[in-house]
């Protein structure tokens, strides 16, 4: 839920599609890719993407249940 709220419907689309197909490892992989933000300059122009360490940790925690399902 938080992943979808944070990334928006468009950002979560691929992970949700993989989940619907039961491809849990692919869900986790897709979530792990979504760790970048695009800051903006003083004029509101979008700058190059920056990897955010806090998002790496958050996505790892959010993806953990999908990785554990294959181990049960």
PDB file of N, CA and C in Angstrom:
ATOM      1  N   UNK A   1       0.819  -1.187   0.000  1.00  0.00           N
ATOM      2  CA  UNK A   1       0.000   0.000   0.000  1.00  0.00           C
ATOM      3  C   UNK A   1       0.862   1.250   0.000  1.00  0.00           C
ATOM      4  N   UNK A   2       1.837   1.345   0.921  1.00  0.00           N
ATOM      5  CA  UNK A   2       2.651   2.557   0.980  1.00  0.00           C
ATOM      6  C   UNK A   2       3.462   2.733  -0.295  1.00  0.00           C
ATOM      7  N   UNK A   3       3.918   1.638  -0.890  1.00  0.00           N
ATOM      8  CA  UNK A   3       4.677   1.722  -2.136  1.00  0.00           C
ATOM      9  C   UNK A   3       3.836   2.392  -3.214  1.00  0.00           C
ATOM     10  N   UNK A   4       2.606   1.952  -3.360  1.00  0.00           N
ATOM     11  CA  UNK A   4       1.728   2.515  -4.379  1.00  0.00           C
ATOM     12  C   UNK A   4       1.404   3.972  -4.079  1.00  0.00           C
ATOM     13  N   UNK A   5       1.173   4.292  -2.830  1.00  0.00           N
ATOM     14  CA  UNK A   5       0.892   5.688  -2.469  1.00  0.00           C
ATOM     15  C   UNK A   5       2.094   6.575  -2.739  1.00  0.00           C
ATOM     16  N   UNK A   6       3.298   6.079  -2.455  1.00  0.00           N
ATOM     17  CA  UNK A   6       4.508   6.869  -2.656  1.00  0.00           C
ATOM     18  C   UNK A   6       4.873   7.034  -4.121  1.00  0.00           C
ATOM     19  N   UNK A   7       4.681   6.005  -4.928  1.00  0.00           N
ATOM     20  CA  UNK A   7       5.096   6.064  -6.323  1.00  0.00           C
ATOM     21  C   UNK A   7       3.979   6.514  -7.255  1.00  0.00           C
ATOM     22  N   UNK A   8       2.752   6.454  -6.786  1.00  0.00           N
ATOM     23  CA  UNK A   8       1.617   6.792  -7.629  1.00  0.00           C
ATOM     24  C   UNK A   8       1.226   5.597  -8.485  1.00  0.00           C
ATOM     25  N   UNK A   9       0.052   5.679  -9.058  1.00  0.00           N
ATOM     26  CA  UNK A   9      -0.459   4.560  -9.862  1.00  0.00           C
ATOM     27  C   UNK A   9       0.461   4.252 -11.035  1.00  0.00           C
ATOM     28  N   UNK A  10       0.993   5.272 -11.670  1.00  0.00           N
ATOM     29  CA  UNK A  10       1.869   5.050 -12.816  1.00  0.00           C
ATOM     30  C   UNK A  10       3.183   4.417 -12.382  1.00  0.00           C
ATOM     31  N   UNK A  11       3.761   4.885 -11.289  1.00  0.00           N
ATOM     32  CA  UNK A  11       5.026   4.359 -10.808  1.00  0.00           C
ATOM     33  C   UNK A  11       4.939   2.932 -10.315  1.00  0.00           C
ATOM     34  N   UNK A  12       3.785   2.543  -9.831  1.00  0.00           N
ATOM     35  CA  UNK A  12       3.609   1.202  -9.282  1.00  0.00           C
ATOM     36  C   UNK A  12       3.055   0.209 -10.295  1.00  0.00           C
ATOM     37  N   UNK A  13       2.700   0.677 -11.466  1.00  0.00           N
ATOM     38  CA  UNK A  13       2.005  -0.164 -12.453  1.00  0.00           C
ATOM     39  C   UNK A  13       2.737  -1.474 -12.748  1.00  0.00           C
ATOM     40  N   UNK A  14       4.029  -1.410 -13.022  1.00  0.00           N
ATOM     41  CA  UNK A  14       4.767  -2.628 -13.397  1.00  0.00           C
ATOM     42  C   UNK A  14       4.847  -3.603 -12.228  1.00  0.00           C
ATOM     43  N   UNK A  15       5.112  -3.100 -11.032  1.00  0.00           N
ATOM     44  CA  UNK A  15       5.186  -3.983  -9.860  1.00  0.00           C
ATOM     45  C   UNK A  15       3.832  -4.646  -9.607  1.00  0.00           C
ATOM     46  N   UNK A  16       2.758  -3.894  -9.761  1.00  0.00           N
ATOM     47  CA  UNK A  16       1.421  -4.459  -9.557  1.00  0.00           C
ATOM     48  C   UNK A  16       1.099  -5.513 -10.614  1.00  0.00           C
ATOM     49  N   UNK A  17       1.507  -5.278 -11.847  1.00  0.00           N
ATOM     50  CA  UNK A  17       1.279  -6.257 -12.911  1.00  0.00           C
ATOM     51  C   UNK A  17       2.021  -7.554 -12.606  1.00  0.00           C
ATOM     52  N   UNK A  18       3.256  -7.439 -12.135  1.00  0.00           N
ATOM     53  CA  UNK A  18       4.028  -8.631 -11.767  1.00  0.00           C
ATOM     54  C   UNK A  18       3.365  -9.363 -10.598  1.00  0.00           C
ATOM     55  N   UNK A  19       2.857  -8.614  -9.633  1.00  0.00           N
ATOM     56  CA  UNK A  19       2.179  -9.223  -8.483  1.00  0.00           C
ATOM     57  C   UNK A  19       0.939  -9.985  -8.942  1.00  0.00           C
ATOM     58  N   UNK A  20       0.199  -9.408  -9.865  1.00  0.00           N
ATOM     59  CA  UNK A  20      -0.996 -10.067 -10.384  1.00  0.00           C
ATOM     60  C   UNK A  20      -0.663 -11.370 -11.098  1.00  0.00           C
ATOM     61  N   UNK A  21       0.533 -11.461 -11.666  1.00  0.00           N
ATOM     62  CA  UNK A  21       0.967 -12.687 -12.347  1.00  0.00           C
ATOM     63  C   UNK A  21       1.632 -13.665 -11.383  1.00  0.00           C
ATOM     64  N   UNK A  22       1.783 -13.267 -10.114  1.00  0.00           N
ATOM     65  CA  UNK A  22       2.414 -14.142  -9.136  1.00  0.00           C
ATOM     66  C   UNK A  22       3.927 -14.191  -9.255  1.00  0.00           C
ATOM     67  N   UNK A  23       4.514 -13.221  -9.911  1.00  0.00           N
ATOM     68  CA  UNK A  23       5.960 -13.159 -10.111  1.00  0.00           C
ATOM     69  C   UNK A  23       6.604 -12.362  -8.976  1.00  0.00           C
ATOM     70  N   UNK A  24       6.674 -12.983  -7.802  1.00  0.00           N
ATOM     71  CA  UNK A  24       7.106 -12.263  -6.599  1.00  0.00           C
ATOM     72  C   UNK A  24       8.522 -11.711  -6.688  1.00  0.00           C
ATOM     73  N   UNK A  25       9.450 -12.459  -7.245  1.00  0.00           N
ATOM     74  CA  UNK A  25      10.824 -11.958  -7.358  1.00  0.00           C
ATOM     75  C   UNK A  25      10.867 -10.727  -8.265  1.00  0.00           C
ATOM     76  N   UNK A  26      10.081 -10.739  -9.336  1.00  0.00           N
ATOM     77  CA  UNK A  26      10.033  -9.580 -10.234  1.00  0.00           C
ATOM     78  C   UNK A  26       9.401  -8.371  -9.560  1.00  0.00           C
ATOM     79  N   UNK A  27       8.428  -8.603  -8.678  1.00  0.00           N
ATOM     80  CA  UNK A  27       7.848  -7.509  -7.904  1.00  0.00           C
ATOM     81  C   UNK A  27       8.944  -6.848  -7.082  1.00  0.00           C
ATOM     82  N   UNK A  28       9.720  -7.650  -6.371  1.00  0.00           N
ATOM     83  CA  UNK A  28      10.801  -7.116  -5.538  1.00  0.00           C
ATOM     84  C   UNK A  28      11.835  -6.385  -6.381  1.00  0.00           C
ATOM     85  N   UNK A  29      12.183  -6.939  -7.540  1.00  0.00           N
ATOM     86  CA  UNK A  29      13.150  -6.282  -8.420  1.00  0.00           C
ATOM     87  C   UNK A  29      12.635  -4.936  -8.912  1.00  0.00           C
ATOM     88  N   UNK A  30      11.386  -4.902  -9.278  1.00  0.00           N
ATOM     89  CA  UNK A  30      10.788  -3.649  -9.760  1.00  0.00           C
ATOM     90  C   UNK A  30      10.751  -2.601  -8.650  1.00  0.00           C
ATOM     91  N   UNK A  31      10.406  -3.041  -7.467  1.00  0.00           N
ATOM     92  CA  UNK A  31      10.376  -2.098  -6.337  1.00  0.00           C
ATOM     93  C   UNK A  31      11.774  -1.549  -6.053  1.00  0.00           C
ATOM     94  N   UNK A  32      12.781  -2.396  -6.180  1.00  0.00           N
ATOM     95  CA  UNK A  32      14.161  -1.977  -5.905  1.00  0.00           C
ATOM     96  C   UNK A  32      14.657  -0.945  -6.906  1.00  0.00           C
ATOM     97  N   UNK A  33      14.075  -0.899  -8.076  1.00  0.00           N
ATOM     98  CA  UNK A  33      14.482   0.090  -9.087  1.00  0.00           C
ATOM     99  C   UNK A  33      13.944   1.484  -8.779  1.00  0.00           C
ATOM    100  N   UNK A  34      12.927   1.549  -7.980  1.00  0.00           N
ATOM    101  CA  UNK A  34      12.249   2.820  -7.730  1.00  0.00           C
ATOM    102  C   UNK A  34      12.839   3.524  -6.506  1.00  0.00           C
ATOM    103  N   UNK A  35      14.105   3.937  -6.611  1.00  0.00           N
ATOM    104  CA  UNK A  35      14.810   4.570  -5.491  1.00  0.00           C
ATOM    105  C   UNK A  35      15.432   5.908  -5.897  1.00  0.00           C
ATOM    106  N   UNK A  36      14.909   6.504  -6.947  1.00  0.00           N
ATOM    107  CA  UNK A  36      15.448   7.759  -7.457  1.00  0.00           C
ATOM    108  C   UNK A  36      14.397   8.862  -7.368  1.00  0.00           C
ATOM    109  N   UNK A  37      14.862  10.072  -7.155  1.00  0.00           N
ATOM    110  CA  UNK A  37      13.994  11.247  -7.199  1.00  0.00           C
ATOM    111  C   UNK A  37      14.611  12.239  -8.174  1.00  0.00           C
ATOM    112  N   UNK A  38      13.780  13.120  -8.700  1.00  0.00           N
ATOM    113  CA  UNK A  38      14.238  14.173  -9.606  1.00  0.00           C
ATOM    114  C   UNK A  38      14.084  15.512  -8.884  1.00  0.00           C
ATOM    115  N   UNK A  39      15.167  16.020  -8.308  1.00  0.00           N
ATOM    116  CA  UNK A  39      15.064  17.324  -7.664  1.00  0.00           C
ATOM    117  C   UNK A  39      14.830  18.413  -8.715  1.00  0.00           C
ATOM    118  N   UNK A  40      14.456  19.560  -8.251  1.00  0.00           N
ATOM    119  CA  UNK A  40      14.223  20.698  -9.154  1.00  0.00           C
ATOM    120  C   UNK A  40      15.121  21.849  -8.740  1.00  0.00           C
ATOM    121  N   UNK A  41      15.507  22.639  -9.730  1.00  0.00           N
ATOM    122  CA  UNK A  41      16.347  23.794  -9.423  1.00  0.00           C
ATOM    123  C   UNK A  41      15.472  24.962  -8.957  1.00  0.00           C
ATOM    124  N   UNK A  42      16.083  26.102  -8.718  1.00  0.00           N
ATOM    125  CA  UNK A  42      15.365  27.271  -8.196  1.00  0.00           C
ATOM    126  C   UNK A  42      14.286  27.767  -9.153  1.00  0.00           C
ATOM    127  N   UNK A  43      14.375  27.388 -10.425  1.00  0.00           N
ATOM    128  CA  UNK A  43      13.390  27.810 -11.427  1.00  0.00           C
ATOM    129  C   UNK A  43      12.344  26.732 -11.699  1.00  0.00           C
ATOM    130  N   UNK A  44      12.402  25.646 -10.938  1.00  0.00           N
ATOM    131  CA  UNK A  44      11.431  24.578 -11.087  1.00  0.00           C
ATOM    132  C   UNK A  44      11.769  23.573 -12.169  1.00  0.00           C
ATOM    133  N   UNK A  45      12.951  23.716 -12.781  1.00  0.00           N
ATOM    134  CA  UNK A  45      13.342  22.765 -13.818  1.00  0.00           C
ATOM    135  C   UNK A  45      13.807  21.463 -13.179  1.00  0.00           C
ATOM    136  N   UNK A  46      13.408  20.391 -13.799  1.00  0.00           N
ATOM    137  CA  UNK A  46      13.744  19.059 -13.300  1.00  0.00           C
ATOM    138  C   UNK A  46      15.227  18.765 -13.540  1.00  0.00           C
ATOM    139  N   UNK A  47      15.911  18.330 -12.498  1.00  0.00           N
ATOM    140  CA  UNK A  47      17.331  17.990 -12.566  1.00  0.00           C
ATOM    141  C   UNK A  47      17.494  16.486 -12.752  1.00  0.00           C
ATOM    142  N   UNK A  48      18.705  16.029 -13.050  1.00  0.00           N
ATOM    143  CA  UNK A  48      18.925  14.576 -13.202  1.00  0.00           C
ATOM    144  C   UNK A  48      18.544  13.803 -11.936  1.00  0.00           C
ATOM    145  N   UNK A  49      18.165  12.571 -12.144  1.00  0.00           N
ATOM    146  CA  UNK A  49      17.742  11.708 -11.035  1.00  0.00           C
ATOM    147  C   UNK A  49      18.880  11.490 -10.050  1.00  0.00           C
ATOM    148  N   UNK A  50      18.501  11.404  -8.772  1.00  0.00           N
ATOM    149  CA  UNK A  50      19.441  11.175  -7.684  1.00  0.00           C
ATOM    150  C   UNK A  50      18.959   9.960  -6.899  1.00  0.00           C
ATOM    151  N   UNK A  51      19.873   9.026  -6.646  1.00  0.00           N
ATOM    152  CA  UNK A  51      19.547   7.837  -5.848  1.00  0.00           C
ATOM    153  C   UNK A  51      19.498   8.246  -4.376  1.00  0.00           C
ATOM    154  N   UNK A  52      18.420   7.877  -3.694  1.00  0.00           N
ATOM    155  CA  UNK A  52      18.216   8.268  -2.304  1.00  0.00           C
ATOM    156  C   UNK A  52      18.407   7.050  -1.397  1.00  0.00           C
ATOM    157  N   UNK A  53      19.449   7.053  -0.562  1.00  0.00           N
ATOM    158  CA  UNK A  53      19.713   5.901   0.307  1.00  0.00           C
ATOM    159  C   UNK A  53      18.529   5.507   1.187  1.00  0.00           C
ATOM    160  N   UNK A  54      17.779   6.475   1.670  1.00  0.00           N
ATOM    161  CA  UNK A  54      16.616   6.162   2.492  1.00  0.00           C
ATOM    162  C   UNK A  54      15.561   5.377   1.729  1.00  0.00           C
ATOM    163  N   UNK A  55      15.419   5.674   0.431  1.00  0.00           N
ATOM    164  CA  UNK A  55      14.468   4.922  -0.379  1.00  0.00           C
ATOM    165  C   UNK A  55      14.956   3.503  -0.643  1.00  0.00           C
ATOM    166  N   UNK A  56      16.262   3.317  -0.728  1.00  0.00           N
ATOM    167  CA  UNK A  56      16.811   1.974  -0.906  1.00  0.00           C
ATOM    168  C   UNK A  56      16.391   1.100   0.274  1.00  0.00           C
ATOM    169  N   UNK A  57      16.571   1.629   1.475  1.00  0.00           N
ATOM    170  CA  UNK A  57      16.190   0.898   2.690  1.00  0.00           C
ATOM    171  C   UNK A  57      14.688   0.648   2.726  1.00  0.00           C
ATOM    172  N   UNK A  58      13.926   1.674   2.411  1.00  0.00           N
ATOM    173  CA  UNK A  58      12.471   1.551   2.448  1.00  0.00           C
ATOM    174  C   UNK A  58      11.978   0.512   1.455  1.00  0.00           C
ATOM    175  N   UNK A  59      12.498   0.549   0.223  1.00  0.00           N
ATOM    176  CA  UNK A  59      12.061  -0.419  -0.797  1.00  0.00           C
ATOM    177  C   UNK A  59      12.466  -1.840  -0.416  1.00  0.00           C
ATOM    178  N   UNK A  60      13.621  -1.997   0.208  1.00  0.00           N
ATOM    179  CA  UNK A  60      14.056  -3.325   0.657  1.00  0.00           C
ATOM    180  C   UNK A  60      13.039  -3.873   1.666  1.00  0.00           C
ATOM    181  N   UNK A  61      12.607  -3.037   2.585  1.00  0.00           N
ATOM    182  CA  UNK A  61      11.633  -3.465   3.589  1.00  0.00           C
ATOM    183  C   UNK A  61      10.278  -3.765   2.954  1.00  0.00           C
ATOM    184  N   UNK A  62       9.868  -2.930   1.994  1.00  0.00           N
ATOM    185  CA  UNK A  62       8.578  -3.142   1.342  1.00  0.00           C
ATOM    186  C   UNK A  62       8.576  -4.393   0.467  1.00  0.00           C
ATOM    187  N   UNK A  63       9.721  -4.726  -0.108  1.00  0.00           N
ATOM    188  CA  UNK A  63       9.808  -5.879  -1.011  1.00  0.00           C
ATOM    189  C   UNK A  63      10.008  -7.198  -0.258  1.00  0.00           C
ATOM    190  N   UNK A  64      10.429  -7.141   0.993  1.00  0.00           N
ATOM    191  CA  UNK A  64      10.745  -8.356   1.746  1.00  0.00           C
ATOM    192  C   UNK A  64       9.627  -9.400   1.736  1.00  0.00           C
ATOM    193  N   UNK A  65       8.377  -9.042   1.917  1.00  0.00           N
ATOM    194  CA  UNK A  65       7.328 -10.079   1.913  1.00  0.00           C
ATOM    195  C   UNK A  65       7.246 -10.834   0.581  1.00  0.00           C
ATOM    196  N   UNK A  66       7.551 -10.173  -0.520  1.00  0.00           N
ATOM    197  CA  UNK A  66       7.496 -10.849  -1.809  1.00  0.00           C
ATOM    198  C   UNK A  66       8.632 -11.842  -1.968  1.00  0.00           C
ATOM    199  N   UNK A  67       9.757 -11.555  -1.375  1.00  0.00           N
ATOM    200  CA  UNK A  67      10.898 -12.469  -1.425  1.00  0.00           C
ATOM    201  C   UNK A  67      10.692 -13.656  -0.498  1.00  0.00           C
ATOM    202  N   UNK A  68      10.021 -13.449   0.612  1.00  0.00           N
ATOM    203  CA  UNK A  68       9.798 -14.510   1.590  1.00  0.00           C
ATOM    204  C   UNK A  68       8.746 -15.503   1.108  1.00  0.00           C
ATOM    205  N   UNK A  69       7.827 -15.093   0.269  1.00  0.00           N
ATOM    206  CA  UNK A  69       6.758 -15.981  -0.187  1.00  0.00           C
ATOM    207  C   UNK A  69       7.301 -17.176  -0.941  1.00  0.00           C
ATOM    208  N   UNK A  70       8.389 -16.989  -1.664  1.00  0.00           N
ATOM    209  CA  UNK A  70       8.972 -18.094  -2.414  1.00  0.00           C
ATOM    210  C   UNK A  70       9.713 -19.076  -1.518  1.00  0.00           C
ATOM    211  N   UNK A  71      10.003 -18.695  -0.278  1.00  0.00           N
ATOM    212  CA  UNK A  71      10.763 -19.550   0.641  1.00  0.00           C
ATOM    213  C   UNK A  71       9.863 -20.405   1.513  1.00  0.00           C
ATOM    214  N   UNK A  72       8.578 -20.165   1.501  1.00  0.00           N
ATOM    215  CA  UNK A  72       7.675 -20.906   2.378  1.00  0.00           C
ATOM    216  C   UNK A  72       7.255 -22.220   1.776  1.00  0.00           C
TER     217      UNK A  72
END
